PDB file of N, CA and C in Angstrom:
ATOM      1  N   MET A   1     -14.236   7.153  -2.165  1.00  0.00           N
ATOM      2  CA  MET A   1     -13.911   5.956  -1.436  1.00  0.00           C
ATOM      3  C   MET A   1     -12.881   5.151  -2.235  1.00  0.00           C
ATOM      4  N   LYS A   2     -11.791   4.811  -1.589  1.00  0.00           N
ATOM      5  CA  LYS A   2     -10.756   4.025  -2.256  1.00  0.00           C
ATOM      6  C   LYS A   2     -11.121   2.557  -2.224  1.00  0.00           C
ATOM      7  N   ARG A   3     -10.841   1.883  -3.325  1.00  0.00           N
ATOM      8  CA  ARG A   3     -10.987   0.434  -3.374  1.00  0.00           C
ATOM      9  C   ARG A   3      -9.585  -0.152  -3.348  1.00  0.00           C
ATOM     10  N   PHE A   4      -9.461  -1.272  -2.710  1.00  0.00           N
ATOM     11  CA  PHE A   4      -8.148  -1.869  -2.537  1.00  0.00           C
ATOM     12  C   PHE A   4      -8.095  -3.260  -3.140  1.00  0.00           C
ATOM     13  N   PHE A   5      -6.894  -3.699  -3.468  1.00  0.00           N
ATOM     14  CA  PHE A   5      -6.701  -5.061  -3.912  1.00  0.00           C
ATOM     15  C   PHE A   5      -5.538  -5.650  -3.152  1.00  0.00           C
ATOM     16  N   LEU A   6      -5.424  -6.919  -3.211  1.00  0.00           N
ATOM     17  CA  LEU A   6      -4.436  -7.662  -2.460  1.00  0.00           C
ATOM     18  C   LEU A   6      -3.369  -8.187  -3.396  1.00  0.00           C
ATOM     19  N   ILE A   7      -2.112  -8.020  -3.035  1.00  0.00           N
ATOM     20  CA  ILE A   7      -0.999  -8.555  -3.819  1.00  0.00           C
ATOM     21  C   ILE A   7      -0.380  -9.704  -3.022  1.00  0.00           C
ATOM     22  N   SER A   8      -0.216 -10.834  -3.648  1.00  0.00           N
ATOM     23  CA  SER A   8       0.480 -11.967  -3.042  1.00  0.00           C
ATOM     24  C   SER A   8       1.733 -12.228  -3.855  1.00  0.00           C
ATOM     25  N   ILE A   9       2.723 -12.785  -3.228  1.00  0.00           N
ATOM     26  CA  ILE A   9       3.993 -13.029  -3.899  1.00  0.00           C
ATOM     27  C   ILE A   9       4.171 -14.528  -4.137  1.00  0.00           C
ATOM     28  N   LEU A  10       4.493 -14.878  -5.362  1.00  0.00           N
ATOM     29  CA  LEU A  10       4.821 -16.258  -5.709  1.00  0.00           C
ATOM     30  C   LEU A  10       6.247 -16.245  -6.230  1.00  0.00           C
ATOM     31  N   LEU A  11       7.139 -16.881  -5.527  1.00  0.00           N
ATOM     32  CA  LEU A  11       8.545 -16.842  -5.892  1.00  0.00           C
ATOM     33  C   LEU A  11       9.152 -18.225  -5.714  1.00  0.00           C
ATOM     34  N   LEU A  12       9.706 -18.748  -6.790  1.00  0.00           N
ATOM     35  CA  LEU A  12      10.389 -20.034  -6.774  1.00  0.00           C
ATOM     36  C   LEU A  12       9.518 -21.137  -6.183  1.00  0.00           C
ATOM     37  N   GLY A  13       8.224 -21.107  -6.487  1.00  0.00           N
ATOM     38  CA  GLY A  13       7.335 -22.160  -6.040  1.00  0.00           C
ATOM     39  C   GLY A  13       6.805 -21.990  -4.627  1.00  0.00           C
ATOM     40  N   PHE A  14       7.212 -20.939  -3.940  1.00  0.00           N
ATOM     41  CA  PHE A  14       6.735 -20.706  -2.585  1.00  0.00           C
ATOM     42  C   PHE A  14       5.825 -19.492  -2.570  1.00  0.00           C
ATOM     43  N   THR A  15       4.764 -19.569  -1.821  1.00  0.00           N
ATOM     44  CA  THR A  15       3.891 -18.416  -1.666  1.00  0.00           C
ATOM     45  C   THR A  15       4.166 -17.807  -0.306  1.00  0.00           C
ATOM     46  N   PHE A  16       4.518 -16.552  -0.303  1.00  0.00           N
ATOM     47  CA  PHE A  16       4.770 -15.856   0.942  1.00  0.00           C
ATOM     48  C   PHE A  16       3.450 -15.331   1.489  1.00  0.00           C
ATOM     49  N   LEU A  17       3.319 -15.325   2.796  1.00  0.00           N
ATOM     50  CA  LEU A  17       2.097 -14.834   3.415  1.00  0.00           C
ATOM     51  C   LEU A  17       2.199 -13.335   3.628  1.00  0.00           C
ATOM     52  N   TYR A  18       2.475 -12.654   2.567  1.00  0.00           N
ATOM     53  CA  TYR A  18       2.611 -11.204   2.602  1.00  0.00           C
ATOM     54  C   TYR A  18       1.504 -10.628   1.740  1.00  0.00           C
ATOM     55  N   ALA A  19       0.763  -9.732   2.295  1.00  0.00           N
ATOM     56  CA  ALA A  19      -0.312  -9.095   1.541  1.00  0.00           C
ATOM     57  C   ALA A  19      -0.212  -7.590   1.752  1.00  0.00           C
ATOM     58  N   GLN A  20      -0.589  -6.872   0.737  1.00  0.00           N
ATOM     59  CA  GLN A  20      -0.517  -5.422   0.812  1.00  0.00           C
ATOM     60  C   GLN A  20      -1.738  -4.850   0.110  1.00  0.00           C
ATOM     61  N   ASN A  21      -2.398  -3.937   0.764  1.00  0.00           N
ATOM     62  CA  ASN A  21      -3.531  -3.263   0.142  1.00  0.00           C
ATOM     63  C   ASN A  21      -3.029  -2.066  -0.654  1.00  0.00           C
ATOM     64  N   ILE A  22      -3.392  -2.017  -1.914  1.00  0.00           N
ATOM     65  CA  ILE A  22      -2.998  -0.941  -2.811  1.00  0.00           C
ATOM     66  C   ILE A  22      -4.268  -0.373  -3.426  1.00  0.00           C
ATOM     67  N   GLY A  23      -4.341   0.923  -3.568  1.00  0.00           N
ATOM     68  CA  GLY A  23      -5.509   1.538  -4.187  1.00  0.00           C
ATOM     69  C   GLY A  23      -5.605   1.231  -5.671  1.00  0.00           C
ATOM     70  N   HIS A  24      -6.812   1.190  -6.174  1.00  0.00           N
ATOM     71  CA  HIS A  24      -7.052   0.967  -7.602  1.00  0.00           C
ATOM     72  C   HIS A  24      -6.361   2.085  -8.386  1.00  0.00           C
ATOM     73  N   TRP A  25      -5.565   1.730  -9.366  1.00  0.00           N
ATOM     74  CA  TRP A  25      -4.759   2.638 -10.187  1.00  0.00           C
ATOM     75  C   TRP A  25      -3.650   3.346  -9.393  1.00  0.00           C
ATOM     76  N   SER A  26      -3.337   2.857  -8.199  1.00  0.00           N
ATOM     77  CA  SER A  26      -2.194   3.395  -7.455  1.00  0.00           C
ATOM     78  C   SER A  26      -0.934   2.666  -7.896  1.00  0.00           C
ATOM     79  N   ARG A  27       0.208   3.251  -7.676  1.00  0.00           N
ATOM     80  CA  ARG A  27       1.463   2.621  -8.079  1.00  0.00           C
ATOM     81  C   ARG A  27       1.848   1.529  -7.085  1.00  0.00           C
ATOM     82  N   PHE A  28       2.200   0.364  -7.624  1.00  0.00           N
ATOM     83  CA  PHE A  28       2.742  -0.730  -6.831  1.00  0.00           C
ATOM     84  C   PHE A  28       4.143  -0.997  -7.345  1.00  0.00           C
ATOM     85  N   GLU A  29       5.097  -1.117  -6.426  1.00  0.00           N
ATOM     86  CA  GLU A  29       6.489  -1.304  -6.809  1.00  0.00           C
ATOM     87  C   GLU A  29       7.115  -2.399  -5.966  1.00  0.00           C
ATOM     88  N   ILE A  30       7.903  -3.250  -6.615  1.00  0.00           N
ATOM     89  CA  ILE A  30       8.693  -4.234  -5.889  1.00  0.00           C
ATOM     90  C   ILE A  30      10.161  -3.965  -6.174  1.00  0.00           C
ATOM     91  N   ALA A  31      10.995  -4.187  -5.178  1.00  0.00           N
ATOM     92  CA  ALA A  31      12.448  -4.067  -5.327  1.00  0.00           C
ATOM     93  C   ALA A  31      13.038  -5.454  -5.126  1.00  0.00           C
ATOM     94  N   VAL A  32      13.947  -5.836  -6.023  1.00  0.00           N
ATOM     95  CA  VAL A  32      14.493  -7.187  -6.033  1.00  0.00           C
ATOM     96  C   VAL A  32      16.002  -7.114  -6.207  1.00  0.00           C
ATOM     97  N   ALA A  33      16.706  -8.007  -5.517  1.00  0.00           N
ATOM     98  CA  ALA A  33      18.152  -8.135  -5.718  1.00  0.00           C
ATOM     99  C   ALA A  33      18.405  -9.377  -6.577  1.00  0.00           C
ATOM    100  N   PRO A  34      19.279  -9.284  -7.574  1.00  0.00           N
ATOM    101  CA  PRO A  34      19.546 -10.440  -8.431  1.00  0.00           C
ATOM    102  C   PRO A  34      20.337 -11.509  -7.679  1.00  0.00           C
ATOM    103  N   PRO A  35      20.278 -12.743  -8.131  1.00  0.00           N
ATOM    104  CA  PRO A  35      21.007 -13.818  -7.456  1.00  0.00           C
ATOM    105  C   PRO A  35      22.523 -13.747  -7.665  1.00  0.00           C
ATOM    106  N   ASP A  36      22.965 -13.082  -8.721  1.00  0.00           N
ATOM    107  CA  ASP A  36      24.395 -12.971  -9.032  1.00  0.00           C
ATOM    108  C   ASP A  36      24.782 -11.512  -9.192  1.00  0.00           C
ATOM    109  N   LYS A  37      26.093 -11.272  -9.158  1.00  0.00           N
ATOM    110  CA  LYS A  37      26.632  -9.932  -9.441  1.00  0.00           C
ATOM    111  C   LYS A  37      26.977  -9.854 -10.924  1.00  0.00           C
ATOM    112  N   TYR A  38      26.770  -8.694 -11.506  1.00  0.00           N
ATOM    113  CA  TYR A  38      27.048  -8.493 -12.923  1.00  0.00           C
ATOM    114  C   TYR A  38      27.924  -7.266 -13.086  1.00  0.00           C
ATOM    115  N   GLN A  39      28.881  -7.351 -14.008  1.00  0.00           N
ATOM    116  CA  GLN A  39      29.735  -6.191 -14.263  1.00  0.00           C
ATOM    117  C   GLN A  39      28.928  -5.064 -14.883  1.00  0.00           C
ATOM    118  N   ASN A  40      28.021  -5.408 -15.795  1.00  0.00           N
ATOM    119  CA  ASN A  40      27.179  -4.410 -16.429  1.00  0.00           C
ATOM    120  C   ASN A  40      25.723  -4.897 -16.398  1.00  0.00           C
ATOM    121  N   PRO A  41      24.985  -4.573 -15.344  1.00  0.00           N
ATOM    122  CA  PRO A  41      23.611  -5.063 -15.228  1.00  0.00           C
ATOM    123  C   PRO A  41      22.667  -4.495 -16.287  1.00  0.00           C
ATOM    124  N   PHE A  42      23.076  -3.426 -16.952  1.00  0.00           N
ATOM    125  CA  PHE A  42      22.234  -2.854 -18.007  1.00  0.00           C
ATOM    126  C   PHE A  42      22.190  -3.746 -19.245  1.00  0.00           C
ATOM    127  N   THR A  43      23.255  -4.521 -19.473  1.00  0.00           N
ATOM    128  CA  THR A  43      23.314  -5.333 -20.691  1.00  0.00           C
ATOM    129  C   THR A  43      23.386  -6.838 -20.439  1.00  0.00           C
ATOM    130  N   GLU A  44      23.696  -7.279 -19.231  1.00  0.00           N
ATOM    131  CA  GLU A  44      23.936  -8.694 -18.982  1.00  0.00           C
ATOM    132  C   GLU A  44      22.731  -9.468 -18.464  1.00  0.00           C
ATOM    133  N   VAL A  45      21.718  -8.802 -17.953  1.00  0.00           N
ATOM    134  CA  VAL A  45      20.615  -9.511 -17.313  1.00  0.00           C
ATOM    135  C   VAL A  45      19.318  -8.727 -17.461  1.00  0.00           C
ATOM    136  N   ASN A  46      18.203  -9.449 -17.466  1.00  0.00           N
ATOM    137  CA  ASN A  46      16.868  -8.834 -17.501  1.00  0.00           C
ATOM    138  C   ASN A  46      16.058  -9.333 -16.314  1.00  0.00           C
ATOM    139  N   LEU A  47      15.190  -8.500 -15.809  1.00  0.00           N
ATOM    140  CA  LEU A  47      14.225  -8.896 -14.784  1.00  0.00           C
ATOM    141  C   LEU A  47      12.857  -8.932 -15.441  1.00  0.00           C
ATOM    142  N   LEU A  48      12.198 -10.083 -15.381  1.00  0.00           N
ATOM    143  CA  LEU A  48      10.876 -10.238 -15.951  1.00  0.00           C
ATOM    144  C   LEU A  48       9.894 -10.598 -14.843  1.00  0.00           C
ATOM    145  N   ALA A  49       8.791  -9.872 -14.759  1.00  0.00           N
ATOM    146  CA  ALA A  49       7.761 -10.137 -13.751  1.00  0.00           C
ATOM    147  C   ALA A  49       6.459 -10.494 -14.447  1.00  0.00           C
ATOM    148  N   LYS A  50       5.770 -11.470 -13.897  1.00  0.00           N
ATOM    149  CA  LYS A  50       4.481 -11.886 -14.438  1.00  0.00           C
ATOM    150  C   LYS A  50       3.430 -11.686 -13.348  1.00  0.00           C
ATOM    151  N   PHE A  51       2.476 -10.798 -13.613  1.00  0.00           N
ATOM    152  CA  PHE A  51       1.389 -10.520 -12.679  1.00  0.00           C
ATOM    153  C   PHE A  51       0.135 -11.221 -13.176  1.00  0.00           C
ATOM    154  N   THR A  52      -0.587 -11.848 -12.270  1.00  0.00           N
ATOM    155  CA  THR A  52      -1.855 -12.483 -12.613  1.00  0.00           C
ATOM    156  C   THR A  52      -2.976 -11.664 -11.986  1.00  0.00           C
ATOM    157  N   ARG A  53      -3.859 -11.182 -12.845  1.00  0.00           N
ATOM    158  CA  ARG A  53      -4.977 -10.347 -12.401  1.00  0.00           C
ATOM    159  C   ARG A  53      -6.048 -11.207 -11.720  1.00  0.00           C
ATOM    160  N   PRO A  54      -6.976 -10.552 -11.023  1.00  0.00           N
ATOM    161  CA  PRO A  54      -8.080 -11.291 -10.393  1.00  0.00           C
ATOM    162  C   PRO A  54      -8.920 -12.104 -11.382  1.00  0.00           C
ATOM    163  N   ASP A  55      -9.025 -11.661 -12.634  1.00  0.00           N
ATOM    164  CA  ASP A  55      -9.817 -12.401 -13.625  1.00  0.00           C
ATOM    165  C   ASP A  55      -9.023 -13.542 -14.269  1.00  0.00           C
ATOM    166  N   GLY A  56      -7.760 -13.736 -13.858  1.00  0.00           N
ATOM    167  CA  GLY A  56      -6.934 -14.822 -14.376  1.00  0.00           C
ATOM    168  C   GLY A  56      -6.043 -14.453 -15.544  1.00  0.00           C
ATOM    169  N   SER A  57      -6.218 -13.276 -16.120  1.00  0.00           N
ATOM    170  CA  SER A  57      -5.353 -12.862 -17.220  1.00  0.00           C
ATOM    171  C   SER A  57      -3.986 -12.443 -16.665  1.00  0.00           C
ATOM    172  N   ASN A  58      -2.992 -12.487 -17.540  1.00  0.00           N
ATOM    173  CA  ASN A  58      -1.615 -12.184 -17.122  1.00  0.00           C
ATOM    174  C   ASN A  58      -1.130 -10.871 -17.697  1.00  0.00           C
ATOM    175  N   LEU A  59      -0.227 -10.257 -16.967  1.00  0.00           N
ATOM    176  CA  LEU A  59       0.418  -9.019 -17.378  1.00  0.00           C
ATOM    177  C   LEU A  59       1.914  -9.236 -17.176  1.00  0.00           C
ATOM    178  N   GLU A  60       2.690  -9.147 -18.252  1.00  0.00           N
ATOM    179  CA  GLU A  60       4.132  -9.335 -18.145  1.00  0.00           C
ATOM    180  C   GLU A  60       4.828  -7.981 -18.249  1.00  0.00           C
ATOM    181  N   ILE A  61       5.697  -7.727 -17.291  1.00  0.00           N
ATOM    182  CA  ILE A  61       6.382  -6.440 -17.186  1.00  0.00           C
ATOM    183  C   ILE A  61       7.879  -6.688 -17.091  1.00  0.00           C
ATOM    184  N   LYS A  62       8.646  -5.887 -17.790  1.00  0.00           N
ATOM    185  CA  LYS A  62      10.099  -5.938 -17.680  1.00  0.00           C
ATOM    186  C   LYS A  62      10.527  -4.959 -16.596  1.00  0.00           C
ATOM    187  N   GLY A  63      11.384  -5.426 -15.697  1.00  0.00           N
ATOM    188  CA  GLY A  63      11.900  -4.572 -14.635  1.00  0.00           C
ATOM    189  C   GLY A  63      13.063  -3.733 -15.123  1.00  0.00           C
ATOM    190  N   PHE A  64      13.553  -2.881 -14.249  1.00  0.00           N
ATOM    191  CA  PHE A  64      14.682  -2.022 -14.610  1.00  0.00           C
ATOM    192  C   PHE A  64      15.697  -1.977 -13.483  1.00  0.00           C
ATOM    193  N   TYR A  65      16.949  -1.762 -13.853  1.00  0.00           N
ATOM    194  CA  TYR A  65      18.036  -1.653 -12.895  1.00  0.00           C
ATOM    195  C   TYR A  65      18.017  -0.253 -12.296  1.00  0.00           C
ATOM    196  N   ASP A  66      18.079  -0.188 -10.948  1.00  0.00           N
ATOM    197  CA  ASP A  66      17.980   1.093 -10.256  1.00  0.00           C
ATOM    198  C   ASP A  66      19.241   1.430  -9.469  1.00  0.00           C
ATOM    199  N   GLY A  67      20.317   0.701  -9.705  1.00  0.00           N
ATOM    200  CA  GLY A  67      21.588   0.978  -9.035  1.00  0.00           C
ATOM    201  C   GLY A  67      21.760   0.183  -7.748  1.00  0.00           C
ATOM    202  N   ASN A  68      23.005   0.024  -7.323  1.00  0.00           N
ATOM    203  CA  ASN A  68      23.347  -0.661  -6.070  1.00  0.00           C
ATOM    204  C   ASN A  68      22.728  -2.054  -5.962  1.00  0.00           C
ATOM    205  N   ASP A  69      22.772  -2.822  -7.038  1.00  0.00           N
ATOM    206  CA  ASP A  69      22.235  -4.190  -7.085  1.00  0.00           C
ATOM    207  C   ASP A  69      20.741  -4.269  -6.782  1.00  0.00           C
ATOM    208  N   VAL A  70      20.017  -3.219  -7.073  1.00  0.00           N
ATOM    209  CA  VAL A  70      18.564  -3.213  -6.866  1.00  0.00           C
ATOM    210  C   VAL A  70      17.863  -3.085  -8.213  1.00  0.00           C
ATOM    211  N   TRP A  71      16.900  -3.959  -8.433  1.00  0.00           N
ATOM    212  CA  TRP A  71      16.040  -3.931  -9.614  1.00  0.00           C
ATOM    213  C   TRP A  71      14.628  -3.626  -9.157  1.00  0.00           C
ATOM    214  N   ARG A  72      13.839  -2.982  -9.996  1.00  0.00           N
ATOM    215  CA  ARG A  72      12.476  -2.619  -9.635  1.00  0.00           C
ATOM    216  C   ARG A  72      11.502  -2.948 -10.758  1.00  0.00           C
ATOM    217  N   VAL A  73      10.262  -3.220 -10.348  1.00  0.00           N
ATOM    218  CA  VAL A  73       9.146  -3.401 -11.263  1.00  0.00           C
ATOM    219  C   VAL A  73       8.014  -2.545 -10.732  1.00  0.00           C
ATOM    220  N   ARG A  74       7.373  -1.784 -11.605  1.00  0.00           N
ATOM    221  CA  ARG A  74       6.249  -0.930 -11.205  1.00  0.00           C
ATOM    222  C   ARG A  74       5.039  -1.216 -12.086  1.00  0.00           C
ATOM    223  N   ILE A  75       3.868  -1.254 -11.442  1.00  0.00           N
ATOM    224  CA  ILE A  75       2.613  -1.369 -12.185  1.00  0.00           C
ATOM    225  C   ILE A  75       1.563  -0.489 -11.516  1.00  0.00           C
ATOM    226  N   MET A  76       0.501  -0.227 -12.240  1.00  0.00           N
ATOM    227  CA  MET A  76      -0.692   0.426 -11.703  1.00  0.00           C
ATOM    228  C   MET A  76      -1.851  -0.534 -11.954  1.00  0.00           C
ATOM    229  N   PRO A  77      -2.285  -1.279 -10.944  1.00  0.00           N
ATOM    230  CA  PRO A  77      -3.309  -2.304 -11.128  1.00  0.00           C
ATOM    231  C   PRO A  77      -4.609  -1.741 -11.699  1.00  0.00           C
ATOM    232  N   ASP A  78      -5.102  -2.440 -12.719  1.00  0.00           N
ATOM    233  CA  ASP A  78      -6.309  -1.989 -13.406  1.00  0.00           C
ATOM    234  C   ASP A  78      -7.548  -2.783 -13.014  1.00  0.00           C
ATOM    235  N   GLN A  79      -7.393  -3.717 -12.077  1.00  0.00           N
ATOM    236  CA  GLN A  79      -8.533  -4.487 -11.590  1.00  0.00           C
ATOM    237  C   GLN A  79      -8.479  -4.566 -10.077  1.00  0.00           C
ATOM    238  N   ILE A  80      -9.630  -4.651  -9.473  1.00  0.00           N
ATOM    239  CA  ILE A  80      -9.733  -4.772  -8.025  1.00  0.00           C
ATOM    240  C   ILE A  80      -9.835  -6.244  -7.681  1.00  0.00           C
ATOM    241  N   GLY A  81      -9.114  -6.662  -6.659  1.00  0.00           N
ATOM    242  CA  GLY A  81      -9.149  -8.051  -6.222  1.00  0.00           C
ATOM    243  C   GLY A  81      -7.755  -8.542  -5.880  1.00  0.00           C
ATOM    244  N   LYS A  82      -7.616  -9.854  -5.783  1.00  0.00           N
ATOM    245  CA  LYS A  82      -6.345 -10.464  -5.398  1.00  0.00           C
ATOM    246  C   LYS A  82      -5.461 -10.669  -6.622  1.00  0.00           C
ATOM    247  N   TRP A  83      -4.281 -10.089  -6.583  1.00  0.00           N
ATOM    248  CA  TRP A  83      -3.268 -10.234  -7.620  1.00  0.00           C
ATOM    249  C   TRP A  83      -2.151 -11.125  -7.071  1.00  0.00           C
ATOM    250  N   THR A  84      -1.481 -11.843  -7.943  1.00  0.00           N
ATOM    251  CA  THR A  84      -0.274 -12.564  -7.571  1.00  0.00           C
ATOM    252  C   THR A  84       0.804 -12.229  -8.594  1.00  0.00           C
ATOM    253  N   TYR A  85       2.050 -12.414  -8.201  1.00  0.00           N
ATOM    254  CA  TYR A  85       3.116 -12.195  -9.172  1.00  0.00           C
ATOM    255  C   TYR A  85       4.290 -13.103  -8.893  1.00  0.00           C
ATOM    256  N   SER A  86       5.061 -13.327  -9.924  1.00  0.00           N
ATOM    257  CA  SER A  86       6.323 -14.046  -9.821  1.00  0.00           C
ATOM    258  C   SER A  86       7.331 -13.282 -10.665  1.00  0.00           C
ATOM    259  N   PHE A  87       8.595 -13.500 -10.409  1.00  0.00           N
ATOM    260  CA  PHE A  87       9.609 -12.822 -11.215  1.00  0.00           C
ATOM    261  C   PHE A  87      10.805 -13.730 -11.399  1.00  0.00           C
ATOM    262  N   ARG A  88      11.571 -13.424 -12.443  1.00  0.00           N
ATOM    263  CA  ARG A  88      12.785 -14.193 -12.706  1.00  0.00           C
ATOM    264  C   ARG A  88      13.807 -13.296 -13.398  1.00  0.00           C
ATOM    265  N   PHE A  89      15.055 -13.619 -13.167  1.00  0.00           N
ATOM    266  CA  PHE A  89      16.145 -12.955 -13.861  1.00  0.00           C
ATOM    267  C   PHE A  89      16.583 -13.859 -15.008  1.00  0.00           C
ATOM    268  N   THR A  90      16.814 -13.271 -16.158  1.00  0.00           N
ATOM    269  CA  THR A  90      17.290 -14.028 -17.308  1.00  0.00           C
ATOM    270  C   THR A  90      18.525 -13.340 -17.861  1.00  0.00           C
ATOM    271  N   GLU A  91      19.412 -14.140 -18.390  1.00  0.00           N
ATOM    272  CA  GLU A  91      20.593 -13.569 -19.027  1.00  0.00           C
ATOM    273  C   GLU A  91      20.161 -12.816 -20.270  1.00  0.00           C
ATOM    274  N   ALA A  92      20.685 -11.645 -20.448  1.00  0.00           N
ATOM    275  CA  ALA A  92      20.357 -10.842 -21.623  1.00  0.00           C
ATOM    276  C   ALA A  92      21.053 -11.437 -22.839  1.00  0.00           C
ATOM    277  N   PHE A  93      20.491 -11.215 -23.987  1.00  0.00           N
ATOM    278  CA  PHE A  93      21.153 -11.666 -25.196  1.00  0.00           C
ATOM    279  C   PHE A  93      21.263 -10.462 -26.138  1.00  0.00           C
ATOM    280  N   LEU A  94      22.276 -10.501 -26.945  1.00  0.00           N
ATOM    281  CA  LEU A  94      22.554  -9.419 -27.864  1.00  0.00           C
ATOM    282  C   LEU A  94      22.017  -9.805 -29.230  1.00  0.00           C
ATOM    283  N   LEU A  95      21.158  -8.987 -29.765  1.00  0.00           N
ATOM    284  CA  LEU A  95      20.606  -9.227 -31.100  1.00  0.00           C
ATOM    285  C   LEU A  95      21.479  -8.476 -32.104  1.00  0.00           C
ATOM    286  N   ILE A  96      22.094  -9.220 -32.979  1.00  0.00           N
ATOM    287  CA  ILE A  96      22.988  -8.607 -33.955  1.00  0.00           C
ATOM    288  C   ILE A  96      22.318  -8.663 -35.326  1.00  0.00           C
ATOM    289  N   THR A  97      22.226  -7.547 -35.960  1.00  0.00           N
ATOM    290  CA  THR A  97      21.675  -7.502 -37.310  1.00  0.00           C
ATOM    291  C   THR A  97      22.736  -6.967 -38.261  1.00  0.00           C
ATOM    292  N   THR A  98      22.685  -7.431 -39.467  1.00  0.00           N
ATOM    293  CA  THR A  98      23.616  -6.940 -40.462  1.00  0.00           C
ATOM    294  C   THR A  98      22.832  -6.274 -41.580  1.00  0.00           C
ATOM    295  N   MET A  99      23.460  -5.349 -42.250  1.00  0.00           N
ATOM    296  CA  MET A  99      22.795  -4.626 -43.320  1.00  0.00           C
ATOM    297  C   MET A  99      23.491  -4.897 -44.632  1.00  0.00           C
TER     298      MET A  99
END
């Protein structure tokens, strides 16, 4: 018997009335378009998603660029119940080290 959980979306302070049943330990994926265009999305921007589990703990996941201005985040939920998530794009920064 499959157990399901509910995913709600929290974006920019608005909660969308979108719910999706996903099986426990099944893959959940969101596809997102960035607000701006980037010459090199691999180095200029990051997608960060914050998932809140049913018990209130948080899971932070870094998204990845999948081509054609599409970014994706994938998780496999480890708890049954209502999950929420939010995401944001941040400018990437270059860490320079010297030896």
